[in-house]
Amino acid sequence: MSVDDHPMSFDERARTWDDDPGKVATAAEVAAAVLGQIDLSGRPRTLELGAGTGLLSRALRPHLGPTTLADSSPGMLEVARAVIAAQELDGWQAIEVDVDRDVIPGGPFDLVVAQLAVHHMANPRAVLQQIHEVLAPGGQVAIADLDLDPQGDFHQAHGDFTGHHGFDREAVTGWLRDLGFVEVAISTATSITKPSHGQEQRFPLFLATGRRAS
């Protein structure tokens, strides 16, 4: 969910999250990649999982129907709700969900998206299974996350990080197909450049898409 990794919690960083032009730019680039892979002309009912303040959904706003922003951080959700109210995003809501403990409420959804969120979750395959279960028949998923980073360089500055250091693309593709998704595809969405071990390093983000069978 983060473009950088600072030792502060997501709650502590929430109020200034949207002030970082890098985060806004990454969300816009991922949104463009999603639009390049998925037809959103029907204004789908959407869930953004691990949404933070909802930057990705807001970048996709002209193409979405009613949208639910789900996150485990109360601070992020407070900001998300303030943005929803300020921008008068009709049909949008922000809800607290920890997918490591909770079942995703609501649905069925026509689209589930996530950006830099799944690598923070304890059991990514189980999360993808939950996504499959809350999608309507024919519904689509679009997951943008880190390519495999075996040395943990992306999170090098975040000493208490306990998530996954990215994912192997073939593994993600296999999970989606095993769970019953069809039309599975994976491509490069964008990349993030950030300091690591004293120098700038580029970290690719993949976009994995699929459809729940009708």
C-alpha atoms as a PDB file:
ATOM      1  CA  MET A   1       0.000   0.000   0.000  1.00  0.00           C
ATOM      2  CA  SER A   2       2.925   2.328   0.420  1.00  0.00           C
ATOM      3  CA  VAL A   3       5.292   3.952  -2.015  1.00  0.00           C
ATOM      4  CA  ASP A   4       7.909   4.434   0.659  1.00  0.00           C
ATOM      5  CA  ASP A   5       8.511   2.666   3.940  1.00  0.00           C
ATOM      6  CA  HIS A   6       8.908   4.841   6.982  1.00  0.00           C
ATOM      7  CA  PRO A   7       8.855   3.351  10.466  1.00  0.00           C
ATOM      8  CA  MET A   8       5.673   5.242  11.379  1.00  0.00           C
ATOM      9  CA  SER A   9       2.409   3.330  11.217  1.00  0.00           C
ATOM     10  CA  PHE A  10      -0.148   3.846   8.465  1.00  0.00           C
ATOM     11  CA  ASP A  11      -2.418   5.529  11.048  1.00  0.00           C
ATOM     12  CA  GLU A  12       0.281   8.087  11.823  1.00  0.00           C
ATOM     13  CA  ARG A  13       0.968   8.776   8.149  1.00  0.00           C
ATOM     14  CA  ALA A  14      -2.627   8.955   6.987  1.00  0.00           C
ATOM     15  CA  ARG A  15      -3.175  12.711   7.230  1.00  0.00           C
ATOM     16  CA  THR A  16      -0.333  13.524   4.839  1.00  0.00           C
ATOM     17  CA  TRP A  17      -0.643  10.412   2.656  1.00  0.00           C
ATOM     18  CA  ASP A  18      -2.265  12.193  -0.272  1.00  0.00           C
ATOM     19  CA  ASP A  19       0.270  15.036  -0.122  1.00  0.00           C
ATOM     20  CA  ASP A  20       2.996  12.827  -1.603  1.00  0.00           C
ATOM     21  CA  PRO A  21       3.059  13.393  -5.388  1.00  0.00           C
ATOM     22  CA  GLY A  22       4.826  10.048  -5.834  1.00  0.00           C
ATOM     23  CA  LYS A  23       1.906   8.158  -4.331  1.00  0.00           C
ATOM     24  CA  VAL A  24      -0.590  10.088  -6.447  1.00  0.00           C
ATOM     25  CA  ALA A  25       1.461   9.450  -9.600  1.00  0.00           C
ATOM     26  CA  THR A  26       1.776   5.733  -8.864  1.00  0.00           C
ATOM     27  CA  ALA A  27      -1.987   5.437  -8.397  1.00  0.00           C
ATOM     28  CA  ALA A  28      -2.550   7.223 -11.716  1.00  0.00           C
ATOM     29  CA  GLU A  29      -0.091   4.910 -13.487  1.00  0.00           C
ATOM     30  CA  VAL A  30      -1.689   1.796 -12.010  1.00  0.00           C
ATOM     31  CA  ALA A  31      -5.139   3.124 -12.955  1.00  0.00           C
ATOM     32  CA  ALA A  32      -3.964   3.591 -16.540  1.00  0.00           C
ATOM     33  CA  ALA A  33      -2.656   0.013 -16.558  1.00  0.00           C
ATOM     34  CA  VAL A  34      -5.995  -1.266 -15.231  1.00  0.00           C
ATOM     35  CA  LEU A  35      -7.866   0.612 -17.944  1.00  0.00           C
ATOM     36  CA  GLY A  36      -5.529  -0.915 -20.506  1.00  0.00           C
ATOM     37  CA  GLN A  37      -6.473  -4.432 -19.394  1.00  0.00           C
ATOM     38  CA  ILE A  38     -10.102  -4.221 -18.242  1.00  0.00           C
ATOM     39  CA  ASP A  39     -13.225  -2.787 -19.847  1.00  0.00           C
ATOM     40  CA  LEU A  40     -14.889  -0.587 -17.227  1.00  0.00           C
ATOM     41  CA  SER A  41     -17.541   0.862 -19.514  1.00  0.00           C
ATOM     42  CA  GLY A  42     -20.308  -0.642 -17.363  1.00  0.00           C
ATOM     43  CA  ARG A  43     -19.287   1.420 -14.294  1.00  0.00           C
ATOM     44  CA  PRO A  44     -18.772  -1.632 -12.087  1.00  0.00           C
ATOM     45  CA  ARG A  45     -19.648  -1.894  -8.424  1.00  0.00           C
ATOM     46  CA  THR A  46     -16.131  -1.823  -7.001  1.00  0.00           C
ATOM     47  CA  LEU A  47     -14.193  -2.879  -3.926  1.00  0.00           C
ATOM     48  CA  GLU A  48     -10.695  -1.534  -3.317  1.00  0.00           C
ATOM     49  CA  LEU A  49      -8.967  -3.816  -0.833  1.00  0.00           C
ATOM     50  CA  GLY A  50      -6.223  -2.339   1.341  1.00  0.00           C
ATOM     51  CA  ALA A  51      -7.368   0.965  -0.062  1.00  0.00           C
ATOM     52  CA  GLY A  52      -5.658   3.379   2.292  1.00  0.00           C
ATOM     53  CA  THR A  53      -7.200   6.738   1.418  1.00  0.00           C
ATOM     54  CA  GLY A  54      -8.556   5.377  -1.872  1.00  0.00           C
ATOM     55  CA  LEU A  55      -6.034   6.883  -4.284  1.00  0.00           C
ATOM     56  CA  LEU A  56      -6.408   4.101  -6.866  1.00  0.00           C
ATOM     57  CA  SER A  57     -10.207   4.173  -6.867  1.00  0.00           C
ATOM     58  CA  ARG A  58     -10.198   7.947  -7.105  1.00  0.00           C
ATOM     59  CA  ALA A  59      -7.868   7.730 -10.105  1.00  0.00           C
ATOM     60  CA  LEU A  60     -10.437   5.381 -11.666  1.00  0.00           C
ATOM     61  CA  ARG A  61     -13.421   7.415 -10.456  1.00  0.00           C
ATOM     62  CA  PRO A  62     -14.918   8.355 -13.860  1.00  0.00           C
ATOM     63  CA  HIS A  63     -15.223   4.666 -14.708  1.00  0.00           C
ATOM     64  CA  LEU A  64     -16.580   3.253 -11.441  1.00  0.00           C
ATOM     65  CA  GLY A  65     -20.014   2.763  -9.970  1.00  0.00           C
ATOM     66  CA  PRO A  66     -20.671   2.491  -6.216  1.00  0.00           C
ATOM     67  CA  THR A  67     -17.303   1.937  -4.551  1.00  0.00           C
ATOM     68  CA  THR A  68     -16.245   0.480  -1.208  1.00  0.00           C
ATOM     69  CA  LEU A  69     -12.830   1.354   0.212  1.00  0.00           C
ATOM     70  CA  ALA A  70     -11.710  -1.334   2.656  1.00  0.00           C
ATOM     71  CA  ASP A  71      -8.683  -1.047   4.923  1.00  0.00           C
ATOM     72  CA  SER A  72      -7.506  -2.115   8.381  1.00  0.00           C
ATOM     73  CA  SER A  73      -6.123   1.314   9.331  1.00  0.00           C
ATOM     74  CA  PRO A  74      -8.599   3.575  11.167  1.00  0.00           C
ATOM     75  CA  GLY A  75      -6.419   6.587  10.351  1.00  0.00           C
ATOM     76  CA  MET A  76      -6.520   5.877   6.634  1.00  0.00           C
ATOM     77  CA  LEU A  77     -10.268   5.310   6.766  1.00  0.00           C
ATOM     78  CA  GLU A  78     -10.808   8.602   8.580  1.00  0.00           C
ATOM     79  CA  VAL A  79      -9.062  10.421   5.743  1.00  0.00           C
ATOM     80  CA  ALA A  80     -10.903   8.353   3.114  1.00  0.00           C
ATOM     81  CA  ARG A  81     -14.285   9.246   4.631  1.00  0.00           C
ATOM     82  CA  ALA A  82     -13.352  12.923   4.739  1.00  0.00           C
ATOM     83  CA  VAL A  83     -12.410  12.816   1.039  1.00  0.00           C
ATOM     84  CA  ILE A  84     -15.630  10.995   0.165  1.00  0.00           C
ATOM     85  CA  ALA A  85     -17.620  13.726   1.918  1.00  0.00           C
ATOM     86  CA  ALA A  86     -15.579  16.630   0.543  1.00  0.00           C
ATOM     87  CA  GLN A  87     -15.706  15.360  -3.041  1.00  0.00           C
ATOM     88  CA  GLU A  88     -19.353  14.274  -2.697  1.00  0.00           C
ATOM     89  CA  LEU A  89     -18.592  10.776  -3.985  1.00  0.00           C
ATOM     90  CA  ASP A  90     -22.132   9.454  -4.166  1.00  0.00           C
ATOM     91  CA  GLY A  91     -22.404   5.737  -3.479  1.00  0.00           C
ATOM     92  CA  TRP A  92     -18.901   5.513  -1.976  1.00  0.00           C
ATOM     93  CA  GLN A  93     -18.131   4.226   1.500  1.00  0.00           C
ATOM     94  CA  ALA A  94     -15.053   3.346   3.577  1.00  0.00           C
ATOM     95  CA  ILE A  95     -15.138   0.319   5.891  1.00  0.00           C
ATOM     96  CA  GLU A  96     -12.694  -1.273   8.314  1.00  0.00           C
ATOM     97  CA  VAL A  97     -11.671  -4.776   7.252  1.00  0.00           C
ATOM     98  CA  ASP A  98      -8.640  -6.824   8.248  1.00  0.00           C
ATOM     99  CA  VAL A  99      -8.592  -9.679   5.734  1.00  0.00           C
ATOM    100  CA  ASP A 100      -6.188 -11.637   7.929  1.00  0.00           C
ATOM    101  CA  ARG A 101      -9.005 -11.947  10.480  1.00  0.00           C
ATOM    102  CA  ASP A 102     -12.257 -10.842   8.857  1.00  0.00           C
ATOM    103  CA  VAL A 103     -14.408 -11.975   5.974  1.00  0.00           C
ATOM    104  CA  ILE A 104     -14.856  -9.309   3.310  1.00  0.00           C
ATOM    105  CA  PRO A 105     -18.398  -7.969   3.809  1.00  0.00           C
ATOM    106  CA  GLY A 106     -20.819  -6.847   1.154  1.00  0.00           C
ATOM    107  CA  GLY A 107     -20.841  -7.803  -2.455  1.00  0.00           C
ATOM    108  CA  PRO A 108     -21.250  -9.146  -4.904  1.00  0.00           C
ATOM    109  CA  PHE A 109     -18.817  -6.775  -6.589  1.00  0.00           C
ATOM    110  CA  ASP A 110     -18.163  -6.431 -10.307  1.00  0.00           C
ATOM    111  CA  LEU A 111     -14.559  -5.340  -9.768  1.00  0.00           C
ATOM    112  CA  VAL A 112     -12.002  -5.772  -6.981  1.00  0.00           C
ATOM    113  CA  VAL A 113      -8.777  -3.770  -7.148  1.00  0.00           C
ATOM    114  CA  ALA A 114      -5.759  -3.523  -4.881  1.00  0.00           C
ATOM    115  CA  GLN A 115      -2.521  -1.578  -5.106  1.00  0.00           C
ATOM    116  CA  LEU A 116       0.553  -2.450  -3.034  1.00  0.00           C
ATOM    117  CA  ALA A 117      -1.724  -4.030  -0.441  1.00  0.00           C
ATOM    118  CA  VAL A 118      -1.598  -7.808  -0.802  1.00  0.00           C
ATOM    119  CA  HIS A 119       2.085  -8.032   0.148  1.00  0.00           C
ATOM    120  CA  HIS A 120       1.094  -6.728   3.588  1.00  0.00           C
ATOM    121  CA  MET A 121      -1.391  -9.575   4.100  1.00  0.00           C
ATOM    122  CA  ALA A 122      -0.466 -12.795   5.883  1.00  0.00           C
ATOM    123  CA  ASN A 123      -1.951 -15.274   3.393  1.00  0.00           C
ATOM    124  CA  PRO A 124      -2.155 -13.807  -0.128  1.00  0.00           C
ATOM    125  CA  ARG A 125      -3.691 -16.912  -1.678  1.00  0.00           C
ATOM    126  CA  ALA A 126      -6.467 -16.892   0.923  1.00  0.00           C
ATOM    127  CA  VAL A 127      -7.082 -13.213   0.136  1.00  0.00           C
ATOM    128  CA  LEU A 128      -7.439 -14.039  -3.561  1.00  0.00           C
ATOM    129  CA  GLN A 129      -9.902 -16.772  -2.616  1.00  0.00           C
ATOM    130  CA  GLN A 130     -11.951 -14.253  -0.624  1.00  0.00           C
ATOM    131  CA  ILE A 131     -11.886 -11.922  -3.617  1.00  0.00           C
ATOM    132  CA  HIS A 132     -13.175 -14.722  -5.846  1.00  0.00           C
ATOM    133  CA  GLU A 133     -16.013 -15.371  -3.408  1.00  0.00           C
ATOM    134  CA  VAL A 134     -17.217 -11.741  -3.269  1.00  0.00           C
ATOM    135  CA  LEU A 135     -17.092 -11.217  -7.037  1.00  0.00           C
ATOM    136  CA  ALA A 136     -20.252 -11.564  -9.062  1.00  0.00           C
ATOM    137  CA  PRO A 137     -20.137 -14.108 -11.898  1.00  0.00           C
ATOM    138  CA  GLY A 138     -18.138 -12.423 -14.643  1.00  0.00           C
ATOM    139  CA  GLY A 139     -16.617  -9.995 -12.137  1.00  0.00           C
ATOM    140  CA  GLN A 140     -13.000  -8.965 -12.533  1.00  0.00           C
ATOM    141  CA  VAL A 141      -9.962  -8.569 -10.311  1.00  0.00           C
ATOM    142  CA  ALA A 142      -6.944  -6.302 -10.800  1.00  0.00           C
ATOM    143  CA  ILE A 143      -4.068  -6.643  -8.343  1.00  0.00           C
ATOM    144  CA  ALA A 144      -1.020  -4.391  -8.605  1.00  0.00           C
ATOM    145  CA  ASP A 145       1.870  -5.331  -6.354  1.00  0.00           C
ATOM    146  CA  LEU A 146       5.617  -5.725  -6.055  1.00  0.00           C
ATOM    147  CA  ASP A 147       7.628  -8.096  -8.157  1.00  0.00           C
ATOM    148  CA  LEU A 148       9.627 -10.567  -6.118  1.00  0.00           C
ATOM    149  CA  ASP A 149      12.246  -8.679  -4.077  1.00  0.00           C
ATOM    150  CA  PRO A 150      14.146 -11.525  -2.407  1.00  0.00           C
ATOM    151  CA  GLN A 151      16.592  -9.292  -0.551  1.00  0.00           C
ATOM    152  CA  GLY A 152      13.821  -7.130   0.880  1.00  0.00           C
ATOM    153  CA  ASP A 153      15.334  -3.957  -0.540  1.00  0.00           C
ATOM    154  CA  PHE A 154      11.963  -2.234  -1.014  1.00  0.00           C
ATOM    155  CA  HIS A 155      11.307  -2.438   2.730  1.00  0.00           C
ATOM    156  CA  GLN A 156      14.927  -1.964   3.749  1.00  0.00           C
ATOM    157  CA  ALA A 157      14.146   1.204   5.749  1.00  0.00           C
ATOM    158  CA  HIS A 158      11.120  -0.332   7.456  1.00  0.00           C
ATOM    159  CA  GLY A 159      12.665  -2.482  10.157  1.00  0.00           C
ATOM    160  CA  ASP A 160       9.437  -3.909  11.579  1.00  0.00           C
ATOM    161  CA  PHE A 161       7.998  -5.005   8.223  1.00  0.00           C
ATOM    162  CA  THR A 162       6.485  -8.503   8.514  1.00  0.00           C
ATOM    163  CA  GLY A 163       4.817  -8.937   5.133  1.00  0.00           C
ATOM    164  CA  HIS A 164       5.970 -10.457   1.852  1.00  0.00           C
ATOM    165  CA  HIS A 165       8.897  -9.151  -0.181  1.00  0.00           C
ATOM    166  CA  GLY A 166       6.953  -9.104  -3.424  1.00  0.00           C
ATOM    167  CA  PHE A 167       5.670 -12.042  -5.442  1.00  0.00           C
ATOM    168  CA  ASP A 168       6.787 -14.264  -8.273  1.00  0.00           C
ATOM    169  CA  ARG A 169       4.541 -13.581 -11.263  1.00  0.00           C
ATOM    170  CA  GLU A 170       4.147 -17.237 -12.155  1.00  0.00           C
ATOM    171  CA  ALA A 171       3.047 -18.007  -8.596  1.00  0.00           C
ATOM    172  CA  VAL A 172       0.393 -15.277  -8.670  1.00  0.00           C
ATOM    173  CA  THR A 173      -0.856 -16.480 -12.055  1.00  0.00           C
ATOM    174  CA  GLY A 174      -1.044 -20.028 -10.708  1.00  0.00           C
ATOM    175  CA  TRP A 175      -3.006 -18.968  -7.634  1.00  0.00           C
ATOM    176  CA  LEU A 176      -5.570 -17.128  -9.733  1.00  0.00           C
ATOM    177  CA  ARG A 177      -6.071 -20.026 -12.123  1.00  0.00           C
ATOM    178  CA  ASP A 178      -6.239 -22.585  -9.303  1.00  0.00           C
ATOM    179  CA  LEU A 179      -8.964 -20.523  -7.622  1.00  0.00           C
ATOM    180  CA  GLY A 180     -11.102 -20.584 -10.746  1.00  0.00           C
ATOM    181  CA  PHE A 181     -10.278 -17.280 -12.383  1.00  0.00           C
ATOM    182  CA  VAL A 182     -10.267 -17.257 -16.170  1.00  0.00           C
ATOM    183  CA  GLU A 183      -8.681 -14.874 -18.682  1.00  0.00           C
ATOM    184  CA  VAL A 184      -5.765 -14.505 -16.277  1.00  0.00           C
ATOM    185  CA  ALA A 185      -3.059 -12.115 -17.431  1.00  0.00           C
ATOM    186  CA  ILE A 186      -0.081 -10.445 -15.822  1.00  0.00           C
ATOM    187  CA  SER A 187       1.932  -7.484 -17.058  1.00  0.00           C
ATOM    188  CA  THR A 188       4.061  -4.603 -15.783  1.00  0.00           C
ATOM    189  CA  ALA A 189       1.939  -1.757 -14.411  1.00  0.00           C
ATOM    190  CA  THR A 190       4.660   0.740 -13.487  1.00  0.00           C
ATOM    191  CA  SER A 191       7.705   0.979 -11.258  1.00  0.00           C
ATOM    192  CA  ILE A 192       8.692   2.836  -8.116  1.00  0.00           C
ATOM    193  CA  THR A 193      12.116   4.389  -7.589  1.00  0.00           C
ATOM    194  CA  LYS A 194      13.190   4.859  -3.999  1.00  0.00           C
ATOM    195  CA  PRO A 195      16.365   4.917  -1.909  1.00  0.00           C
ATOM    196  CA  SER A 196      17.666   1.549  -0.782  1.00  0.00           C
ATOM    197  CA  HIS A 197      21.071   0.839   0.751  1.00  0.00           C
ATOM    198  CA  GLY A 198      22.207   4.374   0.001  1.00  0.00           C
ATOM    199  CA  GLN A 199      21.270   4.535  -3.672  1.00  0.00           C
ATOM    200  CA  GLU A 200      18.201   4.922  -5.857  1.00  0.00           C
ATOM    201  CA  GLN A 201      16.681   1.607  -6.905  1.00  0.00           C
ATOM    202  CA  ARG A 202      13.828   0.817  -9.268  1.00  0.00           C
ATOM    203  CA  PHE A 203      11.152  -1.652  -8.177  1.00  0.00           C
ATOM    204  CA  PRO A 204       8.694  -2.947 -10.821  1.00  0.00           C
ATOM    205  CA  LEU A 205       5.019  -3.422 -10.029  1.00  0.00           C
ATOM    206  CA  PHE A 206       3.019  -6.091 -11.840  1.00  0.00           C
ATOM    207  CA  LEU A 207      -0.678  -5.993 -12.651  1.00  0.00           C
ATOM    208  CA  ALA A 208      -2.477  -9.336 -12.386  1.00  0.00           C
ATOM    209  CA  THR A 209      -5.984  -9.516 -13.804  1.00  0.00           C
ATOM    210  CA  GLY A 210      -8.608 -12.206 -14.119  1.00  0.00           C
ATOM    211  CA  ARG A 211     -12.322 -12.844 -14.311  1.00  0.00           C
ATOM    212  CA  ARG A 212     -14.620 -15.004 -12.238  1.00  0.00           C
ATOM    213  CA  ALA A 213     -16.278 -17.467 -14.599  1.00  0.00           C
ATOM    214  CA  SER A 214     -19.863 -16.598 -15.487  1.00  0.00           C
END
